[in-house]
């Protein structure tokens, strides 16, 4: 099937990946991808380019929507470390607390309420760190 010029245009450029990286500039925890670099720097570069330039470079959905999807999936998978990263970026990208909270309750239907509880706890941690940073507390 031939792709339309609009679809090609929607997939061009790493802008969304650059936006994601910029929103992580003040992320206070170690990024999970840091383990990639310590284990295999060359492969880490390849993986990072694929994720940020190829996948996140696709402009078909806004970064905030992409992050809401990532948050929901990671909450269902019960992966608090990766969830923390994507909650941080979601909040920085404009997804509000109420929307994130609702998404976390919705995943409880499919992943169980313990997954919701764990994800809500991670959200609370992230919100506390952001609030402390905004008031200048160490």
N, C-alpha and C. Protein backbone atom coordinates (compact mmCIF):
# COMPACT_ATOMS: atom_id res chain seq x y z
N UNK A 1 0.83 -1.16 0.00
CA UNK A 1 0.00 0.00 0.00
C UNK A 1 0.89 1.24 0.00
N UNK A 2 0.55 2.19 -0.87
CA UNK A 2 1.34 3.41 -0.99
C UNK A 2 0.95 4.40 0.11
N UNK A 3 1.94 5.04 0.67
CA UNK A 3 1.69 6.01 1.73
C UNK A 3 1.46 7.38 1.13
N UNK A 4 0.59 8.12 1.74
CA UNK A 4 0.31 9.47 1.26
C UNK A 4 1.46 10.40 1.64
N UNK A 5 1.61 11.49 0.88
CA UNK A 5 2.65 12.47 1.25
C UNK A 5 2.43 13.01 2.67
N UNK A 6 1.19 13.13 3.07
CA UNK A 6 0.90 13.63 4.43
C UNK A 6 1.42 12.65 5.49
N UNK A 7 1.27 11.35 5.25
CA UNK A 7 1.79 10.36 6.20
C UNK A 7 3.31 10.43 6.27
N UNK A 8 3.96 10.61 5.12
CA UNK A 8 5.41 10.75 5.11
C UNK A 8 5.83 11.98 5.91
N UNK A 9 5.09 13.09 5.70
CA UNK A 9 5.41 14.33 6.42
C UNK A 9 5.20 14.15 7.92
N UNK A 10 4.16 13.41 8.31
CA UNK A 10 3.85 13.21 9.72
C UNK A 10 4.93 12.42 10.43
N UNK A 11 5.68 11.65 9.67
CA UNK A 11 6.71 10.81 10.27
C UNK A 11 8.10 11.42 10.19
N UNK A 12 8.21 12.61 9.65
CA UNK A 12 9.56 13.15 9.43
C UNK A 12 10.07 13.90 10.64
N UNK A 13 11.36 13.73 10.87
CA UNK A 13 12.04 14.53 11.89
C UNK A 13 11.92 14.00 13.31
N UNK A 14 12.95 14.27 14.11
CA UNK A 14 12.97 13.81 15.49
C UNK A 14 12.39 14.80 16.49
N UNK A 15 11.50 15.72 16.04
CA UNK A 15 11.03 16.78 16.92
C UNK A 15 10.42 16.26 18.21
N UNK A 16 9.55 15.26 18.12
CA UNK A 16 8.92 14.75 19.35
C UNK A 16 9.96 14.11 20.26
N UNK A 17 10.93 13.42 19.68
CA UNK A 17 12.00 12.84 20.49
C UNK A 17 12.84 13.91 21.16
N UNK A 18 13.08 14.99 20.45
CA UNK A 18 13.82 16.11 21.04
C UNK A 18 13.02 16.75 22.16
N UNK A 19 11.69 16.88 21.95
CA UNK A 19 10.83 17.43 22.99
C UNK A 19 10.89 16.56 24.23
N UNK A 20 10.81 15.24 24.04
CA UNK A 20 10.87 14.30 25.16
C UNK A 20 12.17 14.48 25.93
N UNK A 21 13.28 14.52 25.23
CA UNK A 21 14.58 14.68 25.87
C UNK A 21 14.66 16.01 26.62
N UNK A 22 14.14 17.07 26.03
CA UNK A 22 14.18 18.37 26.67
C UNK A 22 13.37 18.37 27.97
N UNK A 23 12.25 17.67 27.98
CA UNK A 23 11.40 17.62 29.17
C UNK A 23 12.04 16.80 30.29
N UNK A 24 13.04 16.00 29.95
CA UNK A 24 13.76 15.22 30.95
C UNK A 24 15.00 15.93 31.48
N UNK A 25 15.24 17.13 31.00
CA UNK A 25 16.48 17.83 31.37
C UNK A 25 16.65 17.96 32.88
N UNK A 26 15.57 18.17 33.61
CA UNK A 26 15.66 18.34 35.06
C UNK A 26 15.13 17.13 35.84
N UNK A 27 15.06 15.99 35.19
CA UNK A 27 14.60 14.75 35.83
C UNK A 27 15.60 14.37 36.92
N UNK A 28 15.16 14.28 38.19
CA UNK A 28 16.13 14.12 39.28
C UNK A 28 16.58 12.69 39.57
N UNK A 29 15.96 11.70 38.95
CA UNK A 29 16.36 10.32 39.20
C UNK A 29 17.24 9.84 38.04
N UNK A 30 17.92 8.74 38.26
CA UNK A 30 18.70 8.16 37.17
C UNK A 30 17.74 7.62 36.12
N UNK A 31 18.02 7.91 34.88
CA UNK A 31 17.17 7.41 33.80
C UNK A 31 17.47 5.93 33.58
N UNK A 32 16.43 5.14 33.33
CA UNK A 32 16.66 3.71 33.07
C UNK A 32 17.62 3.47 31.90
N UNK A 33 17.64 4.37 30.92
CA UNK A 33 18.53 4.19 29.78
C UNK A 33 20.00 4.33 30.15
N UNK A 34 20.28 4.88 31.33
CA UNK A 34 21.68 4.98 31.78
C UNK A 34 22.31 3.59 31.92
N UNK A 35 21.50 2.61 32.27
CA UNK A 35 22.01 1.23 32.37
C UNK A 35 22.44 0.70 31.00
N UNK A 36 21.70 1.12 29.97
CA UNK A 36 22.08 0.70 28.62
C UNK A 36 23.48 1.19 28.31
N UNK A 37 23.73 2.47 28.61
CA UNK A 37 25.03 3.06 28.29
C UNK A 37 26.17 2.41 29.07
N UNK A 38 25.92 2.06 30.32
CA UNK A 38 26.99 1.43 31.09
C UNK A 38 27.23 -0.01 30.65
N UNK A 39 26.20 -0.67 30.15
CA UNK A 39 26.36 -2.06 29.72
C UNK A 39 26.95 -2.16 28.31
N UNK A 40 26.49 -1.30 27.40
CA UNK A 40 26.95 -1.37 26.01
C UNK A 40 26.69 -0.02 25.34
N UNK A 41 27.67 0.89 25.39
CA UNK A 41 27.47 2.24 24.87
C UNK A 41 27.04 2.29 23.40
N UNK A 42 27.61 1.42 22.59
CA UNK A 42 27.28 1.44 21.16
C UNK A 42 25.82 1.03 20.93
N UNK A 43 25.42 -0.07 21.58
CA UNK A 43 24.03 -0.52 21.45
C UNK A 43 23.08 0.51 22.06
N UNK A 44 23.48 1.15 23.14
CA UNK A 44 22.65 2.18 23.78
C UNK A 44 22.38 3.32 22.81
N UNK A 45 23.39 3.71 22.05
CA UNK A 45 23.21 4.77 21.06
C UNK A 45 22.22 4.35 20.00
N UNK A 46 22.34 3.12 19.52
CA UNK A 46 21.43 2.60 18.51
C UNK A 46 20.00 2.55 19.03
N UNK A 47 19.83 2.03 20.24
CA UNK A 47 18.49 1.94 20.84
C UNK A 47 17.90 3.33 21.06
N UNK A 48 18.70 4.24 21.56
CA UNK A 48 18.22 5.60 21.82
C UNK A 48 17.79 6.28 20.53
N UNK A 49 18.57 6.13 19.48
CA UNK A 49 18.19 6.73 18.19
C UNK A 49 16.89 6.13 17.68
N UNK A 50 16.74 4.82 17.84
CA UNK A 50 15.50 4.17 17.38
C UNK A 50 14.30 4.72 18.15
N UNK A 51 14.41 4.74 19.47
CA UNK A 51 13.28 5.19 20.29
C UNK A 51 12.98 6.67 20.05
N UNK A 52 13.99 7.52 20.18
CA UNK A 52 13.74 8.95 20.16
C UNK A 52 13.62 9.53 18.75
N UNK A 53 14.43 9.08 17.82
CA UNK A 53 14.36 9.65 16.47
C UNK A 53 13.32 8.95 15.60
N UNK A 54 13.25 7.62 15.69
CA UNK A 54 12.33 6.89 14.81
C UNK A 54 10.92 6.84 15.40
N UNK A 55 10.76 6.27 16.59
CA UNK A 55 9.42 6.13 17.15
C UNK A 55 8.85 7.46 17.63
N UNK A 56 9.61 8.17 18.47
CA UNK A 56 9.11 9.44 18.98
C UNK A 56 9.16 10.53 17.93
N UNK A 57 9.92 10.33 16.88
CA UNK A 57 9.98 11.29 15.79
C UNK A 57 8.72 11.29 14.94
N UNK A 58 7.92 10.25 15.06
CA UNK A 58 6.65 10.20 14.33
C UNK A 58 5.71 11.25 14.93
N UNK A 59 5.19 12.10 14.09
CA UNK A 59 4.37 13.22 14.55
C UNK A 59 2.87 12.92 14.47
N UNK A 60 2.49 11.67 14.46
CA UNK A 60 1.08 11.32 14.29
C UNK A 60 0.21 11.61 15.50
N UNK A 61 0.79 11.57 16.69
CA UNK A 61 0.05 11.94 17.89
C UNK A 61 0.90 12.90 18.71
N UNK A 62 0.26 13.78 19.45
CA UNK A 62 1.03 14.73 20.26
C UNK A 62 1.80 14.01 21.37
N UNK A 63 2.85 14.64 21.82
CA UNK A 63 3.68 14.06 22.88
C UNK A 63 2.86 13.78 24.14
N UNK A 64 1.95 14.66 24.50
CA UNK A 64 1.13 14.45 25.69
C UNK A 64 0.30 13.17 25.56
N UNK A 65 -0.27 12.93 24.40
CA UNK A 65 -1.05 11.71 24.17
C UNK A 65 -0.15 10.49 24.21
N UNK A 66 1.00 10.59 23.58
CA UNK A 66 1.97 9.49 23.59
C UNK A 66 2.35 9.13 25.02
N UNK A 67 2.54 10.15 25.86
CA UNK A 67 2.92 9.90 27.24
C UNK A 67 1.78 9.30 28.05
N UNK A 68 0.55 9.71 27.78
CA UNK A 68 -0.60 9.12 28.46
C UNK A 68 -0.70 7.63 28.13
N UNK A 69 -0.42 7.27 26.90
CA UNK A 69 -0.40 5.87 26.50
C UNK A 69 0.73 5.13 27.22
N UNK A 70 1.92 5.72 27.23
CA UNK A 70 3.06 5.09 27.90
C UNK A 70 2.80 4.91 29.39
N UNK A 71 2.25 5.94 30.03
CA UNK A 71 1.94 5.86 31.46
C UNK A 71 0.96 4.71 31.72
N UNK A 72 -0.06 4.61 30.92
CA UNK A 72 -1.06 3.55 31.11
C UNK A 72 -0.44 2.17 30.95
N UNK A 73 0.37 2.01 29.92
CA UNK A 73 1.00 0.70 29.69
C UNK A 73 1.97 0.35 30.81
N UNK A 74 2.78 1.30 31.23
CA UNK A 74 3.77 1.03 32.28
C UNK A 74 3.11 0.79 33.63
N UNK A 75 2.01 1.48 33.88
CA UNK A 75 1.27 1.22 35.12
C UNK A 75 0.71 -0.20 35.11
N UNK A 76 0.17 -0.61 33.98
CA UNK A 76 -0.37 -1.97 33.87
C UNK A 76 0.73 -3.01 34.01
N UNK A 77 1.92 -2.69 33.49
CA UNK A 77 3.05 -3.62 33.60
C UNK A 77 3.71 -3.59 34.98
N UNK A 78 3.30 -2.63 35.80
CA UNK A 78 3.85 -2.46 37.15
C UNK A 78 5.36 -2.23 37.12
N UNK A 79 5.75 -1.27 36.30
CA UNK A 79 7.16 -0.91 36.16
C UNK A 79 7.36 0.49 36.72
N UNK A 80 7.58 0.62 38.03
CA UNK A 80 7.63 1.96 38.62
C UNK A 80 8.78 2.83 38.14
N UNK A 81 9.90 2.22 37.80
CA UNK A 81 11.06 3.02 37.37
C UNK A 81 10.78 3.71 36.03
N UNK A 82 10.33 2.96 35.05
CA UNK A 82 9.99 3.56 33.75
C UNK A 82 8.75 4.45 33.88
N UNK A 83 7.80 4.04 34.72
CA UNK A 83 6.60 4.84 34.93
C UNK A 83 6.97 6.23 35.44
N UNK A 84 7.91 6.32 36.34
CA UNK A 84 8.35 7.60 36.90
C UNK A 84 8.82 8.53 35.77
N UNK A 85 9.60 8.01 34.84
CA UNK A 85 10.10 8.81 33.72
C UNK A 85 8.93 9.37 32.91
N UNK A 86 7.99 8.50 32.58
CA UNK A 86 6.91 8.92 31.68
C UNK A 86 5.86 9.77 32.39
N UNK A 87 5.67 9.58 33.69
CA UNK A 87 4.82 10.50 34.44
C UNK A 87 5.44 11.89 34.44
N UNK A 88 6.74 11.95 34.67
CA UNK A 88 7.47 13.22 34.68
C UNK A 88 7.27 13.95 33.34
N UNK A 89 7.53 13.24 32.25
CA UNK A 89 7.41 13.86 30.93
C UNK A 89 5.96 14.22 30.63
N UNK A 90 5.02 13.36 31.01
CA UNK A 90 3.60 13.66 30.78
C UNK A 90 3.20 14.96 31.47
N UNK A 91 3.59 15.10 32.72
CA UNK A 91 3.27 16.33 33.46
C UNK A 91 3.93 17.54 32.82
N UNK A 92 5.19 17.40 32.42
CA UNK A 92 5.92 18.50 31.79
C UNK A 92 5.35 18.83 30.41
N UNK A 93 4.73 17.82 29.77
CA UNK A 93 4.15 18.02 28.44
C UNK A 93 2.71 18.55 28.50
N UNK A 94 2.21 18.76 29.73
CA UNK A 94 0.89 19.37 29.86
C UNK A 94 -0.24 18.45 30.24
N UNK A 95 0.03 17.18 30.50
CA UNK A 95 -1.03 16.29 30.96
C UNK A 95 -1.25 16.61 32.44
N UNK A 96 -2.49 16.91 32.81
CA UNK A 96 -2.73 17.32 34.19
C UNK A 96 -2.91 16.12 35.13
N UNK A 97 -2.79 16.42 36.40
CA UNK A 97 -2.87 15.38 37.44
C UNK A 97 -4.19 14.61 37.35
N UNK A 98 -5.30 15.32 37.14
CA UNK A 98 -6.61 14.66 37.08
C UNK A 98 -6.67 13.65 35.93
N UNK A 99 -6.12 14.00 34.79
CA UNK A 99 -6.12 13.09 33.64
C UNK A 99 -5.26 11.87 33.93
N UNK A 100 -4.08 12.09 34.49
CA UNK A 100 -3.21 10.96 34.83
C UNK A 100 -3.86 10.06 35.87
N UNK A 101 -4.46 10.66 36.88
CA UNK A 101 -5.14 9.87 37.92
C UNK A 101 -6.25 9.03 37.32
N UNK A 102 -7.04 9.63 36.46
CA UNK A 102 -8.13 8.88 35.82
C UNK A 102 -7.60 7.73 34.98
N UNK A 103 -6.53 7.97 34.23
CA UNK A 103 -5.94 6.89 33.43
C UNK A 103 -5.47 5.75 34.33
N UNK A 104 -4.89 6.09 35.48
CA UNK A 104 -4.40 5.06 36.39
C UNK A 104 -5.54 4.26 37.01
N UNK A 105 -6.66 4.92 37.27
CA UNK A 105 -7.83 4.17 37.75
C UNK A 105 -8.39 3.28 36.64
N UNK A 106 -8.38 3.77 35.42
CA UNK A 106 -8.92 2.98 34.30
C UNK A 106 -8.12 1.69 34.07
N UNK A 107 -6.81 1.74 34.25
CA UNK A 107 -6.02 0.53 34.02
C UNK A 107 -6.30 -0.53 35.08
N UNK A 108 -6.85 -0.11 36.22
CA UNK A 108 -7.19 -1.07 37.26
C UNK A 108 -8.18 -2.11 36.80
N UNK A 109 -9.04 -1.75 35.86
CA UNK A 109 -10.01 -2.70 35.31
C UNK A 109 -9.30 -3.86 34.61
N UNK A 110 -8.20 -3.58 33.97
CA UNK A 110 -7.50 -4.58 33.16
C UNK A 110 -6.29 -5.18 33.87
N UNK A 111 -5.62 -4.39 34.68
CA UNK A 111 -4.38 -4.85 35.31
C UNK A 111 -4.54 -5.13 36.80
N UNK A 112 -5.68 -4.76 37.35
CA UNK A 112 -5.93 -4.98 38.78
C UNK A 112 -5.67 -3.72 39.58
N UNK A 113 -6.41 -3.58 40.67
CA UNK A 113 -6.27 -2.39 41.51
C UNK A 113 -4.92 -2.28 42.21
N UNK A 114 -4.22 -3.40 42.48
CA UNK A 114 -2.86 -3.22 43.01
C UNK A 114 -1.96 -2.46 42.03
N UNK A 115 -2.15 -2.66 40.75
CA UNK A 115 -1.37 -1.90 39.76
C UNK A 115 -1.73 -0.43 39.84
N UNK A 116 -3.01 -0.13 40.00
CA UNK A 116 -3.45 1.26 40.16
C UNK A 116 -2.83 1.87 41.40
N UNK A 117 -2.87 1.15 42.52
CA UNK A 117 -2.32 1.66 43.77
C UNK A 117 -0.83 1.96 43.65
N UNK A 118 -0.10 1.04 43.03
CA UNK A 118 1.34 1.25 42.86
C UNK A 118 1.60 2.48 41.98
N UNK A 119 0.86 2.60 40.90
CA UNK A 119 1.05 3.72 39.98
C UNK A 119 0.67 5.05 40.64
N UNK A 120 -0.39 5.06 41.44
CA UNK A 120 -0.77 6.29 42.15
C UNK A 120 0.32 6.72 43.12
N UNK A 121 0.97 5.75 43.76
CA UNK A 121 2.07 6.06 44.67
C UNK A 121 3.24 6.70 43.92
N UNK A 122 3.55 6.18 42.74
CA UNK A 122 4.64 6.75 41.93
C UNK A 122 4.25 8.16 41.47
N UNK A 123 3.00 8.34 41.06
CA UNK A 123 2.53 9.67 40.66
C UNK A 123 2.70 10.66 41.81
N UNK A 124 2.33 10.24 43.00
CA UNK A 124 2.45 11.12 44.16
C UNK A 124 3.91 11.51 44.41
N UNK A 125 4.83 10.55 44.26
CA UNK A 125 6.27 10.85 44.42
C UNK A 125 6.73 11.89 43.42
N UNK A 126 6.33 11.69 42.17
CA UNK A 126 6.74 12.62 41.10
C UNK A 126 6.17 14.02 41.37
N UNK A 127 4.90 14.08 41.75
CA UNK A 127 4.27 15.37 42.04
C UNK A 127 4.95 16.08 43.21
N UNK A 128 5.35 15.32 44.22
CA UNK A 128 6.04 15.91 45.36
C UNK A 128 7.39 16.51 44.95
N UNK A 129 8.13 15.80 44.13
CA UNK A 129 9.43 16.30 43.68
C UNK A 129 9.26 17.55 42.82
N UNK A 130 8.26 17.55 41.96
CA UNK A 130 8.00 18.73 41.13
C UNK A 130 7.59 19.91 42.01
N UNK A 131 6.73 19.67 42.98
CA UNK A 131 6.29 20.75 43.88
C UNK A 131 7.48 21.30 44.68
N UNK A 132 8.36 20.44 45.16
CA UNK A 132 9.54 20.89 45.90
C UNK A 132 10.44 21.73 45.01
N UNK A 133 10.60 21.31 43.76
CA UNK A 133 11.45 22.05 42.83
C UNK A 133 10.86 23.42 42.54
N UNK A 134 9.54 23.50 42.47
CA UNK A 134 8.89 24.78 42.15
C UNK A 134 9.03 25.79 43.28
N UNK A 135 9.09 25.31 44.52
CA UNK A 135 9.25 26.23 45.65
C UNK A 135 10.70 26.39 46.05
N UNK A 136 11.58 25.64 45.40
CA UNK A 136 13.01 25.79 45.65
C UNK A 136 13.53 25.02 46.84
N UNK A 137 12.78 24.05 47.33
CA UNK A 137 13.27 23.22 48.44
C UNK A 137 14.32 22.26 47.93
N UNK A 138 15.31 21.98 48.76
CA UNK A 138 16.36 21.02 48.35
C UNK A 138 15.83 19.60 48.35
